[in-house]
Amino acid sequence: MMITRFRTVKSILAKYGSDPTYKVKSKGSKYYGYDLERLKTEEYKLETIKAHQEHAEKLLKRTQPLSTQLQEKKAKLKPPKKPEKREITQTPLEKAVMSRRPAFELSDNEDDSSEQDWETEGSGIADEAEKLINQLHLSLGSMKARNSSIKLKNQVLYLLDSLVELGTMNKKQKKKIIANYIKQ
């Protein structure tokens, strides 16, 4: 019924919209005596009612409750899950490099999220020793600045052992460094 009224008003406006003096003359019409301005107001009201009715019909036609729809929308907002990492096989070179990396044991209050990725690379023992010495200086400087983490101490011990193995340092020098920095 509302749609019929809406169509009637639209057709009158389409037919007589250019005549500003027009009034509905049919006594049988619901809009008898309406001028164009009043018909335009009626058209606006009917459009609003129609929009509300269409919205209400959509709400009634829902197949899922709002809570389910809300959960689905939330799931769409979450970032997609990352695919699982596949296991990568190591080449012989990677295995050799990984075997040279220190394995630190963590104390109960430390986590390995800040694991240092320091590796030695170069073309000989001199290059490797120089890099180990530089890393040792950096680590000892950190200890001097009052960093007393177990991880750092283990790193220093590993570096000292590596330098003794390479013959860059003797055991007496190693003990002196341990006494000055680690056993304070």
N, C-alpha and C. Protein backbone atom coordinates (compact mmCIF):
# COMPACT_ATOMS: atom_id res chain seq x y z
N MET A 1 0.83 -1.19 0.00
CA MET A 1 0.00 0.00 0.00
C MET A 1 0.87 1.25 0.00
N MET A 2 1.91 1.20 0.82
CA MET A 2 2.81 2.35 0.89
C MET A 2 3.53 2.55 -0.45
N ILE A 3 3.86 1.44 -1.10
CA ILE A 3 4.54 1.52 -2.39
C ILE A 3 3.62 2.16 -3.43
N THR A 4 2.35 1.83 -3.38
CA THR A 4 1.38 2.41 -4.31
C THR A 4 1.30 3.92 -4.11
N ARG A 5 1.24 4.35 -2.86
CA ARG A 5 1.18 5.79 -2.57
C ARG A 5 2.44 6.49 -3.09
N PHE A 6 3.55 5.85 -2.86
CA PHE A 6 4.83 6.43 -3.30
C PHE A 6 4.84 6.58 -4.82
N ARG A 7 4.39 5.54 -5.53
CA ARG A 7 4.36 5.59 -7.00
C ARG A 7 3.39 6.68 -7.50
N THR A 8 2.26 6.81 -6.82
CA THR A 8 1.27 7.82 -7.21
C THR A 8 1.87 9.21 -7.12
N VAL A 9 2.51 9.51 -5.98
CA VAL A 9 3.12 10.83 -5.78
C VAL A 9 4.20 11.06 -6.83
N LYS A 10 5.02 10.05 -7.07
CA LYS A 10 6.10 10.18 -8.07
C LYS A 10 5.53 10.47 -9.45
N SER A 11 4.48 9.77 -9.82
CA SER A 11 3.92 9.98 -11.16
C SER A 11 3.30 11.37 -11.29
N ILE A 12 2.62 11.85 -10.23
CA ILE A 12 2.04 13.21 -10.28
C ILE A 12 3.16 14.23 -10.44
N LEU A 13 4.20 14.09 -9.65
CA LEU A 13 5.32 15.04 -9.73
C LEU A 13 5.99 14.99 -11.10
N ALA A 14 6.12 13.78 -11.67
CA ALA A 14 6.73 13.65 -12.99
C ALA A 14 5.87 14.30 -14.07
N LYS A 15 4.57 14.14 -13.92
CA LYS A 15 3.66 14.63 -14.94
C LYS A 15 3.45 16.14 -14.86
N TYR A 16 3.28 16.67 -13.60
CA TYR A 16 2.93 18.09 -13.45
C TYR A 16 4.01 18.90 -12.71
N GLY A 17 5.19 18.35 -12.58
CA GLY A 17 6.25 19.01 -11.82
C GLY A 17 6.70 20.35 -12.38
N SER A 18 6.46 20.61 -13.65
CA SER A 18 6.88 21.88 -14.24
C SER A 18 5.82 22.98 -14.09
N ASP A 19 4.63 22.64 -13.61
CA ASP A 19 3.54 23.62 -13.45
C ASP A 19 3.43 24.00 -11.96
N PRO A 20 3.96 25.17 -11.57
CA PRO A 20 3.98 25.53 -10.15
C PRO A 20 2.58 25.80 -9.57
N THR A 21 1.59 25.99 -10.41
CA THR A 21 0.24 26.28 -9.90
C THR A 21 -0.63 25.03 -9.79
N TYR A 22 -0.09 23.87 -10.13
CA TYR A 22 -0.88 22.64 -10.16
C TYR A 22 -1.31 22.22 -8.75
N LYS A 23 -2.58 21.74 -8.67
CA LYS A 23 -3.13 21.13 -7.46
C LYS A 23 -3.88 19.88 -7.90
N VAL A 24 -3.87 18.86 -7.05
CA VAL A 24 -4.56 17.62 -7.36
C VAL A 24 -6.06 17.91 -7.34
N LYS A 25 -6.76 17.56 -8.46
CA LYS A 25 -8.18 17.91 -8.60
C LYS A 25 -9.10 16.72 -8.39
N SER A 26 -8.56 15.52 -8.40
CA SER A 26 -9.39 14.33 -8.28
C SER A 26 -9.87 14.18 -6.83
N LYS A 27 -11.24 14.21 -6.66
CA LYS A 27 -11.79 14.13 -5.32
C LYS A 27 -11.60 12.75 -4.70
N GLY A 28 -11.41 11.73 -5.51
CA GLY A 28 -11.22 10.37 -5.02
C GLY A 28 -9.79 10.11 -4.56
N SER A 29 -8.90 11.02 -4.87
CA SER A 29 -7.49 10.84 -4.51
C SER A 29 -7.23 11.21 -3.06
N LYS A 30 -6.32 10.48 -2.43
CA LYS A 30 -5.91 10.79 -1.06
C LYS A 30 -5.21 12.14 -1.01
N TYR A 31 -4.69 12.58 -2.14
CA TYR A 31 -3.92 13.82 -2.20
C TYR A 31 -4.72 15.00 -2.78
N TYR A 32 -6.06 14.93 -2.70
CA TYR A 32 -6.93 15.99 -3.24
C TYR A 32 -6.57 17.33 -2.59
N GLY A 33 -6.31 18.35 -3.41
CA GLY A 33 -6.00 19.69 -2.96
C GLY A 33 -4.51 19.94 -2.68
N TYR A 34 -3.66 18.88 -2.79
CA TYR A 34 -2.22 19.05 -2.54
C TYR A 34 -1.60 19.84 -3.69
N ASP A 35 -0.75 20.81 -3.36
CA ASP A 35 0.03 21.48 -4.41
C ASP A 35 1.36 20.74 -4.55
N LEU A 36 2.23 21.21 -5.48
CA LEU A 36 3.48 20.50 -5.75
C LEU A 36 4.43 20.49 -4.55
N GLU A 37 4.48 21.58 -3.80
CA GLU A 37 5.37 21.63 -2.63
C GLU A 37 4.96 20.59 -1.59
N ARG A 38 3.67 20.49 -1.36
CA ARG A 38 3.17 19.54 -0.37
C ARG A 38 3.38 18.10 -0.86
N LEU A 39 3.24 17.89 -2.18
CA LEU A 39 3.51 16.56 -2.74
C LEU A 39 4.99 16.18 -2.61
N LYS A 40 5.87 17.16 -2.80
CA LYS A 40 7.31 16.90 -2.63
C LYS A 40 7.62 16.52 -1.18
N THR A 41 6.98 17.19 -0.24
CA THR A 41 7.17 16.86 1.18
C THR A 41 6.65 15.45 1.45
N GLU A 42 5.52 15.12 0.88
CA GLU A 42 4.94 13.78 1.04
C GLU A 42 5.86 12.73 0.41
N GLU A 43 6.43 13.06 -0.75
CA GLU A 43 7.36 12.14 -1.41
C GLU A 43 8.55 11.86 -0.50
N TYR A 44 9.08 12.91 0.11
CA TYR A 44 10.23 12.76 1.01
C TYR A 44 9.88 11.84 2.19
N LYS A 45 8.72 12.07 2.77
CA LYS A 45 8.28 11.24 3.89
C LYS A 45 8.16 9.78 3.47
N LEU A 46 7.54 9.57 2.30
CA LEU A 46 7.35 8.21 1.82
C LEU A 46 8.69 7.53 1.50
N GLU A 47 9.64 8.28 0.96
CA GLU A 47 10.97 7.72 0.70
C GLU A 47 11.63 7.29 1.99
N THR A 48 11.50 8.12 3.02
CA THR A 48 12.09 7.80 4.32
C THR A 48 11.44 6.55 4.90
N ILE A 49 10.13 6.49 4.83
CA ILE A 49 9.42 5.31 5.34
C ILE A 49 9.83 4.06 4.57
N LYS A 50 9.94 4.20 3.25
CA LYS A 50 10.33 3.06 2.42
C LYS A 50 11.73 2.57 2.81
N ALA A 51 12.65 3.49 3.01
CA ALA A 51 14.01 3.12 3.39
C ALA A 51 14.01 2.39 4.74
N HIS A 52 13.23 2.89 5.68
CA HIS A 52 13.15 2.25 6.99
C HIS A 52 12.55 0.84 6.89
N GLN A 53 11.53 0.72 6.06
CA GLN A 53 10.91 -0.60 5.88
C GLN A 53 11.88 -1.59 5.24
N GLU A 54 12.62 -1.14 4.24
CA GLU A 54 13.59 -2.02 3.59
C GLU A 54 14.65 -2.46 4.59
N HIS A 55 15.08 -1.54 5.42
CA HIS A 55 16.08 -1.87 6.44
C HIS A 55 15.51 -2.88 7.43
N ALA A 56 14.28 -2.67 7.85
CA ALA A 56 13.64 -3.59 8.79
C ALA A 56 13.50 -4.98 8.17
N GLU A 57 13.16 -5.04 6.88
CA GLU A 57 13.04 -6.32 6.20
C GLU A 57 14.38 -7.04 6.15
N LYS A 58 15.45 -6.29 5.90
CA LYS A 58 16.79 -6.90 5.90
C LYS A 58 17.10 -7.48 7.28
N LEU A 59 16.76 -6.73 8.32
CA LEU A 59 17.02 -7.21 9.67
C LEU A 59 16.24 -8.49 9.97
N LEU A 60 15.01 -8.55 9.50
CA LEU A 60 14.19 -9.73 9.74
C LEU A 60 14.67 -10.95 8.96
N LYS A 61 15.30 -10.70 7.81
CA LYS A 61 15.76 -11.79 6.96
C LYS A 61 17.10 -12.36 7.40
N ARG A 62 17.71 -11.80 8.43
CA ARG A 62 19.01 -12.31 8.89
C ARG A 62 18.90 -13.78 9.27
N THR A 63 19.89 -14.52 8.83
CA THR A 63 19.91 -15.94 9.16
C THR A 63 20.74 -16.22 10.40
N GLN A 64 21.60 -15.29 10.78
CA GLN A 64 22.46 -15.47 11.93
C GLN A 64 22.17 -14.40 12.97
N PRO A 65 22.33 -14.74 14.24
CA PRO A 65 22.19 -13.70 15.25
C PRO A 65 23.33 -12.69 15.15
N LEU A 66 23.11 -11.51 15.71
CA LEU A 66 24.12 -10.46 15.63
C LEU A 66 25.43 -10.87 16.28
N SER A 67 25.37 -11.63 17.35
CA SER A 67 26.61 -12.03 18.03
C SER A 67 27.48 -12.89 17.11
N THR A 68 26.85 -13.77 16.34
CA THR A 68 27.61 -14.60 15.41
C THR A 68 28.22 -13.74 14.31
N GLN A 69 27.44 -12.80 13.80
CA GLN A 69 27.97 -11.90 12.77
C GLN A 69 29.13 -11.08 13.30
N LEU A 70 29.02 -10.64 14.55
CA LEU A 70 30.08 -9.86 15.17
C LEU A 70 31.35 -10.68 15.27
N GLN A 71 31.24 -11.92 15.67
CA GLN A 71 32.41 -12.79 15.78
C GLN A 71 33.06 -13.00 14.41
N GLU A 72 32.24 -13.17 13.38
CA GLU A 72 32.78 -13.34 12.02
C GLU A 72 33.52 -12.09 11.57
N LYS A 73 32.96 -10.93 11.85
CA LYS A 73 33.61 -9.67 11.45
C LYS A 73 34.92 -9.49 12.21
N LYS A 74 34.93 -9.83 13.49
CA LYS A 74 36.16 -9.73 14.28
C LYS A 74 37.24 -10.64 13.71
N ALA A 75 36.84 -11.84 13.32
CA ALA A 75 37.80 -12.79 12.76
C ALA A 75 38.41 -12.26 11.46
N LYS A 76 37.60 -11.54 10.69
CA LYS A 76 38.12 -10.96 9.44
C LYS A 76 39.10 -9.84 9.71
N LEU A 77 38.96 -9.15 10.84
CA LEU A 77 39.85 -8.04 11.17
C LEU A 77 41.22 -8.52 11.64
N LYS A 78 41.30 -9.71 12.20
CA LYS A 78 42.56 -10.23 12.70
C LYS A 78 43.48 -10.51 11.52
N PRO A 79 44.79 -10.28 11.72
CA PRO A 79 45.72 -10.58 10.63
C PRO A 79 45.73 -12.09 10.37
N PRO A 80 45.97 -12.47 9.13
CA PRO A 80 45.98 -13.90 8.81
C PRO A 80 47.11 -14.61 9.55
N LYS A 81 46.87 -15.87 9.88
CA LYS A 81 47.89 -16.64 10.58
C LYS A 81 49.06 -16.87 9.65
N LYS A 82 50.25 -16.79 10.25
CA LYS A 82 51.46 -17.02 9.46
C LYS A 82 51.58 -18.50 9.17
N PRO A 83 52.00 -18.82 7.98
CA PRO A 83 52.18 -20.24 7.68
C PRO A 83 53.32 -20.80 8.53
N GLU A 84 53.21 -22.07 8.85
CA GLU A 84 54.23 -22.69 9.67
C GLU A 84 55.56 -22.68 8.92
N LYS A 85 56.62 -22.46 9.72
CA LYS A 85 57.94 -22.44 9.10
C LYS A 85 58.34 -23.86 8.76
N ARG A 86 58.85 -24.01 7.58
CA ARG A 86 59.31 -25.34 7.19
C ARG A 86 60.75 -25.48 7.63
N GLU A 87 61.13 -26.68 7.87
CA GLU A 87 62.49 -26.93 8.33
C GLU A 87 63.43 -26.79 7.15
N ILE A 88 64.46 -26.01 7.35
CA ILE A 88 65.42 -25.76 6.29
C ILE A 88 66.65 -26.61 6.55
N THR A 89 67.03 -27.34 5.54
CA THR A 89 68.24 -28.15 5.70
C THR A 89 69.45 -27.26 5.47
N GLN A 90 70.47 -27.53 6.25
CA GLN A 90 71.66 -26.68 6.18
C GLN A 90 72.68 -27.27 5.22
N THR A 91 73.36 -26.37 4.53
CA THR A 91 74.45 -26.77 3.67
C THR A 91 75.66 -27.05 4.55
N PRO A 92 76.67 -27.74 4.04
CA PRO A 92 77.86 -28.01 4.85
C PRO A 92 78.51 -26.72 5.37
N LEU A 93 78.48 -25.64 4.58
CA LEU A 93 79.07 -24.38 5.03
C LEU A 93 78.28 -23.82 6.21
N GLU A 94 76.94 -23.86 6.11
CA GLU A 94 76.12 -23.37 7.21
C GLU A 94 76.34 -24.19 8.47
N LYS A 95 76.49 -25.52 8.31
CA LYS A 95 76.75 -26.37 9.47
C LYS A 95 78.08 -25.99 10.12
N ALA A 96 79.07 -25.71 9.30
CA ALA A 96 80.38 -25.33 9.84
C ALA A 96 80.29 -24.01 10.60
N VAL A 97 79.57 -23.05 10.05
CA VAL A 97 79.42 -21.75 10.71
C VAL A 97 78.66 -21.92 12.01
N MET A 98 77.58 -22.69 11.98
CA MET A 98 76.77 -22.89 13.18
C MET A 98 77.56 -23.62 14.26
N SER A 99 78.48 -24.51 13.86
CA SER A 99 79.26 -25.23 14.87
C SER A 99 80.25 -24.30 15.56
N ARG A 100 80.58 -23.18 14.95
CA ARG A 100 81.52 -22.23 15.54
C ARG A 100 80.81 -21.22 16.45
N ARG A 101 79.50 -21.17 16.40
CA ARG A 101 78.75 -20.23 17.24
C ARG A 101 78.70 -20.75 18.66
N PRO A 102 78.76 -19.87 19.61
CA PRO A 102 78.72 -20.32 21.00
C PRO A 102 77.31 -20.76 21.39
N ALA A 103 77.25 -21.77 22.23
CA ALA A 103 75.97 -22.21 22.77
C ALA A 103 75.93 -21.75 24.22
N PHE A 104 75.05 -20.82 24.50
CA PHE A 104 74.96 -20.26 25.85
C PHE A 104 73.84 -20.91 26.61
N GLU A 105 74.07 -21.14 27.87
CA GLU A 105 73.00 -21.60 28.73
C GLU A 105 72.44 -20.39 29.43
N LEU A 106 71.13 -20.33 29.49
CA LEU A 106 70.47 -19.18 30.09
C LEU A 106 70.11 -19.48 31.54
N SER A 107 70.19 -18.44 32.35
CA SER A 107 69.72 -18.60 33.71
C SER A 107 68.20 -18.49 33.71
N ASP A 108 67.58 -18.74 34.83
CA ASP A 108 66.11 -18.74 34.89
C ASP A 108 65.50 -17.39 34.58
N ASN A 109 66.23 -16.30 34.85
CA ASN A 109 65.64 -14.97 34.66
C ASN A 109 66.01 -14.35 33.32
N GLU A 110 66.59 -15.12 32.42
CA GLU A 110 66.96 -14.59 31.11
C GLU A 110 66.23 -15.35 30.02
N ASP A 111 65.95 -14.66 28.95
CA ASP A 111 65.36 -15.33 27.80
C ASP A 111 66.30 -15.17 26.62
N ASP A 112 66.11 -15.97 25.62
CA ASP A 112 67.03 -15.91 24.48
C ASP A 112 66.48 -15.07 23.34
N SER A 113 65.53 -14.17 23.64
CA SER A 113 64.96 -13.34 22.58
C SER A 113 65.97 -12.31 22.07
N SER A 114 66.99 -12.02 22.86
CA SER A 114 67.97 -11.04 22.42
C SER A 114 69.28 -11.71 22.04
N GLU A 115 69.18 -12.93 21.54
CA GLU A 115 70.37 -13.67 21.17
C GLU A 115 71.19 -12.90 20.15
N GLN A 116 72.48 -12.81 20.42
CA GLN A 116 73.34 -12.07 19.50
C GLN A 116 73.71 -12.96 18.33
N ASP A 117 73.65 -12.37 17.19
CA ASP A 117 74.05 -13.08 15.99
C ASP A 117 75.44 -12.63 15.60
N TRP A 118 76.42 -13.08 16.31
CA TRP A 118 77.78 -12.72 15.94
C TRP A 118 78.46 -13.98 15.45
N GLU A 119 79.05 -13.82 14.34
CA GLU A 119 79.74 -14.94 13.72
C GLU A 119 81.11 -14.45 13.28
N THR A 120 82.00 -15.39 13.15
CA THR A 120 83.32 -15.03 12.66
C THR A 120 83.40 -15.41 11.20
N GLU A 121 83.97 -14.52 10.42
CA GLU A 121 84.15 -14.81 9.01
C GLU A 121 85.45 -14.18 8.58
N GLY A 122 86.04 -14.68 7.60
CA GLY A 122 87.30 -14.13 7.13
C GLY A 122 88.06 -15.15 6.33
N SER A 123 89.29 -14.80 6.06
CA SER A 123 90.05 -15.69 5.18
C SER A 123 91.23 -16.32 5.90
N GLY A 124 91.21 -16.38 7.22
CA GLY A 124 92.31 -17.03 7.90
C GLY A 124 92.24 -16.84 9.40
N ILE A 125 93.24 -17.43 10.06
CA ILE A 125 93.27 -17.38 11.52
C ILE A 125 93.44 -15.95 12.01
N ALA A 126 94.23 -15.14 11.32
CA ALA A 126 94.46 -13.77 11.76
C ALA A 126 93.16 -12.97 11.74
N ASP A 127 92.39 -13.12 10.66
CA ASP A 127 91.10 -12.43 10.58
C ASP A 127 90.17 -12.89 11.68
N GLU A 128 90.13 -14.20 11.89
CA GLU A 128 89.25 -14.74 12.92
C GLU A 128 89.68 -14.27 14.30
N ALA A 129 90.96 -14.28 14.56
CA ALA A 129 91.46 -13.83 15.87
C ALA A 129 91.16 -12.36 16.08
N GLU A 130 91.34 -11.56 15.05
CA GLU A 130 91.06 -10.13 15.18
C GLU A 130 89.58 -9.87 15.49
N LYS A 131 88.73 -10.59 14.82
CA LYS A 131 87.29 -10.43 15.08
C LYS A 131 86.93 -10.90 16.48
N LEU A 132 87.54 -12.00 16.91
CA LEU A 132 87.28 -12.48 18.27
C LEU A 132 87.77 -11.47 19.31
N ILE A 133 88.92 -10.88 19.06
CA ILE A 133 89.47 -9.88 19.99
C ILE A 133 88.54 -8.66 20.03
N ASN A 134 88.08 -8.22 18.87
CA ASN A 134 87.15 -7.08 18.85
C ASN A 134 85.87 -7.40 19.61
N GLN A 135 85.36 -8.60 19.41
CA GLN A 135 84.15 -9.00 20.14
C GLN A 135 84.42 -9.09 21.63
N LEU A 136 85.62 -9.58 22.00
CA LEU A 136 86.00 -9.67 23.42
C LEU A 136 86.07 -8.28 24.04
N HIS A 137 86.67 -7.32 23.35
CA HIS A 137 86.74 -5.94 23.85
C HIS A 137 85.34 -5.37 24.07
N LEU A 138 84.47 -5.61 23.12
CA LEU A 138 83.10 -5.12 23.23
C LEU A 138 82.39 -5.74 24.43
N SER A 139 82.54 -7.04 24.59
CA SER A 139 81.89 -7.74 25.69
C SER A 139 82.47 -7.31 27.03
N LEU A 140 83.80 -7.16 27.12
CA LEU A 140 84.43 -6.72 28.37
C LEU A 140 84.02 -5.29 28.71
N GLY A 141 83.87 -4.46 27.69
CA GLY A 141 83.40 -3.09 27.92
C GLY A 141 81.99 -3.09 28.50
N SER A 142 81.17 -4.00 28.00
CA SER A 142 79.81 -4.12 28.51
C SER A 142 79.82 -4.58 29.96
N MET A 143 80.74 -5.49 30.28
CA MET A 143 80.84 -5.96 31.68
C MET A 143 81.36 -4.84 32.59
N LYS A 144 82.27 -4.06 32.05
CA LYS A 144 82.81 -2.93 32.82
C LYS A 144 81.71 -1.91 33.13
N ALA A 145 80.73 -1.83 32.23
CA ALA A 145 79.61 -0.92 32.42
C ALA A 145 78.52 -1.55 33.29
N ARG A 146 78.86 -2.59 34.01
CA ARG A 146 78.02 -3.26 35.01
C ARG A 146 76.95 -4.18 34.42
N ASN A 147 77.16 -4.68 33.23
CA ASN A 147 76.27 -5.70 32.70
C ASN A 147 76.79 -7.03 33.22
N SER A 148 76.01 -7.68 34.08
CA SER A 148 76.50 -8.91 34.71
C SER A 148 75.67 -10.12 34.31
N SER A 149 75.16 -10.12 33.10
CA SER A 149 74.32 -11.25 32.68
C SER A 149 75.16 -12.50 32.48
N ILE A 150 74.53 -13.60 32.77
CA ILE A 150 75.19 -14.91 32.61
C ILE A 150 75.52 -15.14 31.14
N LYS A 151 74.64 -14.71 30.28
CA LYS A 151 74.85 -14.87 28.85
C LYS A 151 76.14 -14.16 28.41
N LEU A 152 76.33 -12.95 28.90
CA LEU A 152 77.53 -12.18 28.54
C LEU A 152 78.78 -12.86 29.09
N LYS A 153 78.71 -13.35 30.33
CA LYS A 153 79.86 -14.05 30.93
C LYS A 153 80.21 -15.29 30.12
N ASN A 154 79.20 -16.04 29.73
CA ASN A 154 79.46 -17.23 28.91
C ASN A 154 80.07 -16.87 27.56
N GLN A 155 79.62 -15.76 27.00
CA GLN A 155 80.17 -15.32 25.72
C GLN A 155 81.66 -14.98 25.89
N VAL A 156 82.00 -14.27 26.97
CA VAL A 156 83.39 -13.90 27.22
C VAL A 156 84.23 -15.16 27.41
N LEU A 157 83.72 -16.12 28.16
CA LEU A 157 84.47 -17.37 28.37
C LEU A 157 84.69 -18.10 27.04
N TYR A 158 83.68 -18.13 26.21
CA TYR A 158 83.82 -18.77 24.90
C TYR A 158 84.87 -18.05 24.05
N LEU A 159 84.82 -16.72 24.05
CA LEU A 159 85.80 -15.95 23.28
C LEU A 159 87.22 -16.20 23.79
N LEU A 160 87.37 -16.24 25.10
CA LEU A 160 88.70 -16.49 25.68
C LEU A 160 89.20 -17.88 25.29
N ASP A 161 88.31 -18.88 25.38
CA ASP A 161 88.70 -20.25 24.98
C ASP A 161 89.11 -20.30 23.51
N SER A 162 88.35 -19.60 22.66
CA SER A 162 88.67 -19.58 21.22
C SER A 162 90.02 -18.93 20.96
N LEU A 163 90.32 -17.84 21.68
CA LEU A 163 91.60 -17.16 21.48
C LEU A 163 92.76 -18.01 21.99
N VAL A 164 92.54 -18.75 23.05
CA VAL A 164 93.59 -19.66 23.54
C VAL A 164 93.81 -20.77 22.53
N GLU A 165 92.73 -21.32 21.97
CA GLU A 165 92.82 -22.38 20.96
C GLU A 165 93.60 -21.92 19.73
N LEU A 166 93.38 -20.65 19.33
CA LEU A 166 94.07 -20.12 18.16
C LEU A 166 95.52 -19.75 18.46
N GLY A 167 95.88 -19.71 19.74
CA GLY A 167 97.24 -19.36 20.12
C GLY A 167 97.47 -17.86 20.19
N THR A 168 96.41 -17.08 20.13
CA THR A 168 96.51 -15.63 20.21
C THR A 168 96.73 -15.19 21.65
N MET A 169 96.31 -16.01 22.58
CA MET A 169 96.39 -15.68 23.99
C MET A 169 96.82 -16.94 24.73
N ASN A 170 97.53 -16.77 25.85
CA ASN A 170 97.89 -17.95 26.63
C ASN A 170 96.95 -18.10 27.81
N LYS A 171 97.05 -19.22 28.51
CA LYS A 171 96.12 -19.51 29.61
C LYS A 171 96.29 -18.55 30.76
N LYS A 172 97.50 -18.04 30.96
CA LYS A 172 97.74 -17.08 32.05
C LYS A 172 96.98 -15.77 31.79
N GLN A 173 97.00 -15.31 30.55
CA GLN A 173 96.27 -14.10 30.18
C GLN A 173 94.75 -14.32 30.33
N LYS A 174 94.31 -15.50 29.97
CA LYS A 174 92.89 -15.83 30.09
C LYS A 174 92.47 -15.77 31.56
N LYS A 175 93.27 -16.39 32.44
CA LYS A 175 92.94 -16.39 33.88
C LYS A 175 92.91 -14.98 34.43
N LYS A 176 93.82 -14.13 33.97
CA LYS A 176 93.87 -12.75 34.45
C LYS A 176 92.58 -12.00 34.07
N ILE A 177 92.13 -12.18 32.84
CA ILE A 177 90.90 -11.52 32.40
C ILE A 177 89.70 -12.05 33.19
N ILE A 178 89.67 -13.36 33.40
CA ILE A 178 88.57 -13.95 34.18
C ILE A 178 88.57 -13.38 35.59
N ALA A 179 89.75 -13.26 36.19
CA ALA A 179 89.85 -12.74 37.56
C ALA A 179 89.40 -11.27 37.62
N ASN A 180 89.76 -10.49 36.60
CA ASN A 180 89.44 -9.05 36.62
C ASN A 180 87.97 -8.75 36.27
N TYR A 181 87.37 -9.54 35.41
CA TYR A 181 86.04 -9.20 34.91
C TYR A 181 84.92 -10.13 35.41
N ILE A 182 85.18 -11.41 35.44
CA ILE A 182 84.11 -12.36 35.73
C ILE A 182 83.99 -12.66 37.22
N LYS A 183 85.08 -12.83 37.91
CA LYS A 183 85.03 -13.19 39.33
C LYS A 183 85.16 -11.98 40.22
N GLN A 184 84.44 -10.95 39.94
CA GLN A 184 84.51 -9.72 40.75
C GLN A 184 83.61 -9.83 41.95
